[in-house]
Amino acid sequence: MSIYTIIVTYNGSKWIKKCLDSVYSSRIESKIVIVDNNSTDDTISIIRNNFKNVILFCLNKNLGFGRANNIGIIKALNYDPQYVFLLNQDAEVKKDTIEKLISKFENHPEFSILSPMHYFDSNHLDAKFKKYYERGVKIDQNLTEVNFVNAALWLVRTNDLKRYGIFNECFVHYGEDIELCRRFRSFNKKIGIVNNSLAFHKRPQNEITYSQINLEKNSEIRILLPLIGLKFNFLKSFFELSRFIIFGNKNINSRSNFGFLKRFKSFNKAFKNYISNNNNHLSLK
């Protein structure tokens, strides 16, 4: 069995050593591919001075989460591993985290993506992860099926990545993991959380402030998702896209100065992005 761990870094000097130490302490050995999004801090020197065996790509500009992960995934697929493990720079695994994910995969071939429980600290689940988890359906004692779990800690079958594609490069940061989960599910592949597999994600727990810029980004993502989805589930995606452009949603509508005209402007921007970059959702076979 072969596993490649993919880590995208960007100014991650305060996390990266603990992150990598946790992978090297895992009971399951994996090769590590790091793709750095043009960090300006000490991230690269920490990696080079302490972790000689990693495969390191240093980009000359920040390509965002999905594109950088795609570089790592494509590199890993050259070696034909059974799984790739996507790991955020601000996340850490326990010794048995990956082992328990693999064990569950072996008994559930219908699942394409499995994730451990995401804890913020020793006693508290990550706030957003908790919402995804609580919406899930329990399959057995240690497996919960969900529609989505964020890609901070994903173990993915490489055969499914080859068949159904990698991250769509329309997205820069946020939205790409939602789209990939939707795409896999459109092919009746399942997403799951393994309840007895634990890991830590040290991201901020406070809600993002809804500035005008964030509203515009949020709107573009909500348009891109069904726009891309037209190819996989036309009627559902067309209804979702039309409803958002015409009526917005609760988060958008509760903020002033973001009415129909701004949503339509977001549609134009998203559509141009879609035409320019909608290529990496295709099969890699």
Protein backbone atom coordinates (compact mmCIF):
# COMPACT_ATOMS: atom_id res chain seq x y z
CA MET A 1 0.00 0.00 0.00
CA SER A 2 1.31 3.45 -0.98
CA ILE A 3 0.22 6.83 0.36
CA TYR A 4 1.34 10.34 -0.55
CA THR A 5 0.62 13.23 1.82
CA ILE A 6 0.08 16.57 0.06
CA ILE A 7 0.60 19.80 2.03
CA VAL A 8 0.16 23.30 0.60
CA THR A 9 2.08 25.94 2.54
CA TYR A 10 1.88 29.70 2.66
CA ASN A 11 3.60 31.65 5.46
CA GLY A 12 3.12 28.64 7.70
CA SER A 13 6.27 28.88 9.81
CA LYS A 14 4.35 28.71 13.12
CA TRP A 15 2.66 25.42 12.17
CA ILE A 16 4.69 23.50 9.62
CA LYS A 17 7.18 21.73 11.91
CA LYS A 18 4.44 20.32 14.16
CA CYS A 19 2.41 19.39 11.11
CA LEU A 20 5.27 17.45 9.49
CA ASP A 21 6.43 15.90 12.77
CA SER A 22 2.92 14.50 13.23
CA VAL A 23 2.99 12.88 9.76
CA TYR A 24 6.42 11.35 10.36
CA SER A 25 5.19 10.00 13.72
CA SER A 26 2.22 8.28 12.07
CA ARG A 27 2.01 4.49 12.15
CA ILE A 28 1.35 4.62 8.42
CA GLU A 29 4.35 5.73 6.41
CA SER A 30 3.72 8.15 3.56
CA LYS A 31 5.79 10.13 1.11
CA ILE A 32 5.29 13.88 1.57
CA VAL A 33 4.83 16.43 -1.22
CA ILE A 34 4.85 20.10 -0.22
CA VAL A 35 3.77 22.86 -2.58
CA ASP A 36 4.67 26.30 -1.28
CA ASN A 37 2.60 29.26 -2.50
CA ASN A 38 5.50 31.75 -2.49
CA SER A 39 5.88 32.14 1.28
CA THR A 40 7.67 35.25 2.52
CA ASP A 41 8.43 33.94 6.03
CA ASP A 42 10.69 31.10 7.22
CA THR A 43 8.49 28.24 6.01
CA ILE A 44 10.87 27.07 3.27
CA SER A 45 14.00 27.22 5.45
CA ILE A 46 12.26 25.25 8.23
CA ILE A 47 11.33 22.53 5.74
CA ARG A 48 14.76 22.38 4.10
CA ASN A 49 16.66 22.38 7.38
CA ASN A 50 14.53 19.80 9.18
CA PHE A 51 12.85 17.58 6.59
CA LYS A 52 15.28 16.49 3.89
CA ASN A 53 13.10 13.74 2.44
CA VAL A 54 10.08 15.76 1.41
CA ILE A 55 9.40 16.56 -2.23
CA LEU A 56 9.25 20.36 -2.27
CA PHE A 57 7.85 22.63 -4.99
CA CYS A 58 8.47 26.35 -4.49
CA LEU A 59 6.10 28.44 -6.61
CA ASN A 60 6.97 31.98 -7.69
CA LYS A 61 3.45 33.23 -6.93
CA ASN A 62 0.47 32.26 -4.78
CA LEU A 63 -1.75 30.02 -6.91
CA GLY A 64 -4.32 29.43 -4.19
CA PHE A 65 -5.39 26.26 -2.41
CA GLY A 66 -6.87 24.18 -5.23
CA ARG A 67 -4.26 24.85 -7.91
CA ALA A 68 -1.35 24.23 -5.54
CA ASN A 69 -2.94 20.99 -4.31
CA ASN A 70 -3.42 19.91 -7.92
CA ILE A 71 0.33 20.25 -8.52
CA GLY A 72 1.01 17.99 -5.55
CA ILE A 73 -1.70 15.50 -6.48
CA ILE A 74 -0.48 15.18 -10.08
CA LYS A 75 3.07 14.64 -8.84
CA ALA A 76 1.86 11.94 -6.43
CA LEU A 77 -0.24 10.21 -9.09
CA ASN A 78 2.92 9.67 -11.15
CA TYR A 79 3.88 7.09 -8.51
CA ASP A 80 0.44 5.40 -8.58
CA PRO A 81 -0.33 5.43 -4.84
CA GLN A 82 -3.52 3.88 -3.52
CA TYR A 83 -4.40 7.03 -1.56
CA VAL A 84 -3.46 10.67 -1.25
CA PHE A 85 -3.85 12.44 2.07
CA LEU A 86 -4.53 16.17 1.80
CA LEU A 87 -3.34 17.95 4.94
CA ASN A 88 -3.48 21.64 5.83
CA GLN A 89 -0.30 23.29 7.13
CA ASP A 90 -2.17 24.26 10.32
CA ALA A 91 -3.36 20.70 10.99
CA GLU A 92 -1.82 17.74 12.81
CA VAL A 93 -2.58 14.04 12.89
CA LYS A 94 -2.29 11.52 15.71
CA LYS A 95 -0.28 8.33 15.32
CA ASP A 96 -3.33 6.25 14.39
CA THR A 97 -5.32 8.88 12.42
CA ILE A 98 -4.45 7.70 8.91
CA GLU A 99 -4.41 4.04 9.97
CA LYS A 100 -8.05 4.24 11.09
CA LEU A 101 -9.10 6.04 7.92
CA ILE A 102 -7.54 3.30 5.78
CA SER A 103 -9.14 0.58 7.87
CA LYS A 104 -12.57 2.10 7.28
CA PHE A 105 -11.92 2.52 3.56
CA GLU A 106 -11.13 -1.18 3.21
CA ASN A 107 -14.63 -2.09 4.40
CA HIS A 108 -16.50 0.64 2.54
CA PRO A 109 -15.59 0.80 -1.18
CA GLU A 110 -18.53 3.12 -1.84
CA PHE A 111 -16.67 6.00 -0.10
CA SER A 112 -14.21 8.20 -2.03
CA ILE A 113 -13.20 10.69 0.69
CA LEU A 114 -12.79 10.00 4.40
CA SER A 115 -11.84 12.55 7.04
CA PRO A 116 -11.07 12.24 10.75
CA MET A 117 -12.76 14.23 13.48
CA HIS A 118 -11.37 17.80 13.39
CA TYR A 119 -10.56 19.08 16.87
CA PHE A 120 -9.48 22.65 17.57
CA ASP A 121 -7.97 21.68 20.91
CA SER A 122 -8.05 18.63 23.18
CA ASN A 123 -11.66 19.17 24.21
CA HIS A 124 -13.42 21.05 21.41
CA LEU A 125 -14.33 20.23 17.85
CA ASP A 126 -13.54 22.81 15.19
CA ALA A 127 -16.63 25.02 15.09
CA LYS A 128 -17.41 24.73 11.37
CA PHE A 129 -16.51 21.04 11.23
CA LYS A 130 -18.99 20.39 14.04
CA LYS A 131 -21.80 21.73 11.82
CA TYR A 132 -20.86 19.43 8.93
CA TYR A 133 -20.58 16.47 11.28
CA GLU A 134 -23.91 17.04 13.04
CA ARG A 135 -25.74 17.14 9.69
CA GLY A 136 -24.40 13.69 8.78
CA VAL A 137 -26.03 10.26 8.83
CA LYS A 138 -24.47 7.53 10.94
CA ILE A 139 -23.54 4.47 8.86
CA ASP A 140 -22.02 2.41 11.65
CA GLN A 141 -20.45 2.97 15.05
CA ASN A 142 -17.41 4.75 13.63
CA LEU A 143 -18.57 6.12 10.27
CA THR A 144 -20.81 9.09 9.49
CA GLU A 145 -21.79 9.95 5.92
CA VAL A 146 -21.82 13.69 5.16
CA ASN A 147 -22.48 15.81 2.09
CA PHE A 148 -19.34 17.82 2.76
CA VAL A 149 -16.31 18.08 5.01
CA ASN A 150 -13.63 20.70 4.49
CA ALA A 151 -10.40 19.53 2.85
CA ALA A 152 -8.07 20.26 5.78
CA LEU A 153 -7.70 16.51 6.36
CA TRP A 154 -8.85 14.30 3.50
CA LEU A 155 -7.83 10.76 2.62
CA VAL A 156 -8.87 10.22 -1.00
CA ARG A 157 -8.83 7.16 -3.23
CA THR A 158 -6.54 7.96 -6.15
CA ASN A 159 -8.58 5.82 -8.55
CA ASP A 160 -11.51 8.17 -7.95
CA LEU A 161 -9.35 11.24 -8.50
CA LYS A 162 -8.24 9.75 -11.82
CA ARG A 163 -11.81 8.93 -12.78
CA TYR A 164 -13.69 12.02 -11.57
CA GLY A 165 -10.97 14.68 -11.51
CA ILE A 166 -9.07 16.93 -9.14
CA PHE A 167 -9.81 20.44 -7.86
CA ASN A 168 -11.51 22.78 -10.32
CA GLU A 169 -9.21 25.75 -10.85
CA CYS A 170 -12.02 28.28 -11.10
CA PHE A 171 -11.66 28.64 -7.34
CA VAL A 172 -8.77 30.46 -5.67
CA HIS A 173 -9.48 29.82 -1.99
CA TYR A 174 -12.74 28.38 -0.64
CA GLY A 175 -15.32 26.58 -2.71
CA GLU A 176 -13.00 24.10 -4.43
CA ASP A 177 -13.53 21.40 -1.80
CA ILE A 178 -17.32 21.92 -1.88
CA GLU A 179 -17.32 21.50 -5.66
CA LEU A 180 -15.20 18.34 -5.54
CA CYS A 181 -17.51 16.78 -2.94
CA ARG A 182 -20.53 17.67 -5.07
CA ARG A 183 -18.90 16.20 -8.15
CA PHE A 184 -18.01 12.93 -6.43
CA ARG A 185 -21.52 12.64 -5.02
CA SER A 186 -23.01 13.23 -8.48
CA PHE A 187 -21.30 9.94 -9.44
CA ASN A 188 -22.78 8.23 -6.34
CA LYS A 189 -19.48 8.28 -4.49
CA LYS A 190 -19.74 9.00 -0.77
CA ILE A 191 -18.01 11.36 1.67
CA GLY A 192 -17.47 10.28 5.26
CA ILE A 193 -16.11 11.12 8.69
CA VAL A 194 -14.47 8.37 10.75
CA ASN A 195 -15.59 9.00 14.31
CA ASN A 196 -12.71 7.24 16.08
CA SER A 197 -10.00 8.86 13.94
CA LEU A 198 -8.90 12.14 15.53
CA ALA A 199 -6.85 15.08 14.28
CA PHE A 200 -6.36 18.77 15.03
CA HIS A 201 -7.02 21.83 12.88
CA LYS A 202 -5.72 25.03 14.47
CA ARG A 203 -7.61 27.58 12.38
CA PRO A 204 -9.34 30.62 13.97
CA GLN A 205 -12.74 29.79 15.45
CA ASN A 206 -14.40 33.17 15.07
CA GLU A 207 -16.78 33.87 12.19
CA ILE A 208 -15.52 35.78 9.16
CA THR A 209 -16.63 39.41 9.06
CA TYR A 210 -18.95 40.06 6.14
CA SER A 211 -17.12 42.92 4.49
CA GLN A 212 -18.10 44.01 0.99
CA ILE A 213 -15.10 42.11 -0.42
CA ASN A 214 -16.10 38.92 1.41
CA LEU A 215 -19.68 39.29 0.20
CA GLU A 216 -18.45 39.55 -3.38
CA LYS A 217 -16.24 36.45 -2.97
CA ASN A 218 -19.08 34.56 -1.29
CA SER A 219 -21.46 35.51 -4.09
CA GLU A 220 -19.01 34.42 -6.81
CA ILE A 221 -18.51 31.02 -5.13
CA ARG A 222 -22.27 30.51 -4.80
CA ILE A 223 -22.60 31.19 -8.53
CA LEU A 224 -19.62 29.10 -9.62
CA LEU A 225 -20.79 26.00 -7.76
CA PRO A 226 -24.05 25.50 -9.68
CA LEU A 227 -22.51 26.88 -12.88
CA ILE A 228 -19.94 24.07 -12.80
CA GLY A 229 -22.61 21.65 -11.60
CA LEU A 230 -24.69 22.14 -14.77
CA LYS A 231 -22.54 19.49 -16.41
CA PHE A 232 -23.25 16.89 -13.74
CA ASN A 233 -26.80 17.66 -12.55
CA PHE A 234 -28.37 20.16 -14.91
CA LEU A 235 -31.86 20.69 -13.47
CA LYS A 236 -30.80 20.97 -9.83
CA SER A 237 -27.88 23.26 -10.68
CA PHE A 238 -29.93 25.45 -13.01
CA PHE A 239 -32.57 25.94 -10.31
CA GLU A 240 -29.91 26.72 -7.67
CA LEU A 241 -28.15 29.21 -9.94
CA SER A 242 -31.34 31.00 -11.01
CA ARG A 243 -32.67 31.19 -7.46
CA PHE A 244 -29.48 32.75 -6.12
CA ILE A 245 -29.15 35.35 -8.88
CA ILE A 246 -32.79 36.40 -8.58
CA PHE A 247 -33.45 36.06 -4.85
CA GLY A 248 -30.02 35.86 -3.17
CA ASN A 249 -29.92 34.03 0.16
CA LYS A 250 -30.22 34.78 3.87
CA ASN A 251 -26.58 35.80 4.37
CA ILE A 252 -26.48 37.99 1.27
CA ASN A 253 -29.93 39.52 1.78
CA SER A 254 -29.25 40.45 5.40
CA ARG A 255 -26.39 42.72 4.29
CA SER A 256 -27.10 46.06 2.75
CA ASN A 257 -25.92 47.16 -0.68
CA PHE A 258 -25.84 43.68 -2.20
CA GLY A 259 -28.98 43.44 -4.29
CA PHE A 260 -29.84 41.92 -7.65
CA LEU A 261 -27.53 44.17 -9.70
CA LYS A 262 -24.48 43.19 -7.63
CA ARG A 263 -25.43 39.53 -7.81
CA PHE A 264 -25.73 39.85 -11.60
CA LYS A 265 -22.31 41.53 -11.68
CA SER A 266 -20.96 38.58 -9.68
CA PHE A 267 -22.49 36.25 -12.25
CA ASN A 268 -20.64 38.01 -15.09
CA LYS A 269 -17.35 37.76 -13.20
CA ALA A 270 -17.93 34.12 -12.28
CA PHE A 271 -18.92 33.20 -15.83
CA LYS A 272 -15.72 34.72 -17.27
CA ASN A 273 -13.72 32.83 -14.65
CA TYR A 274 -15.59 29.63 -15.55
CA ILE A 275 -14.86 30.01 -19.26
CA SER A 276 -11.16 30.73 -18.61
CA ASN A 277 -10.39 28.11 -15.98
CA ASN A 278 -12.98 25.34 -16.04
CA ASN A 279 -10.67 22.56 -17.16
CA ASN A 280 -9.32 20.56 -14.22
CA HIS A 281 -12.61 18.94 -13.26
CA LEU A 282 -12.09 16.54 -16.15
CA SER A 283 -11.05 12.92 -15.75
CA LEU A 284 -7.30 12.31 -15.49
CA LYS A 285 -7.55 8.91 -17.16
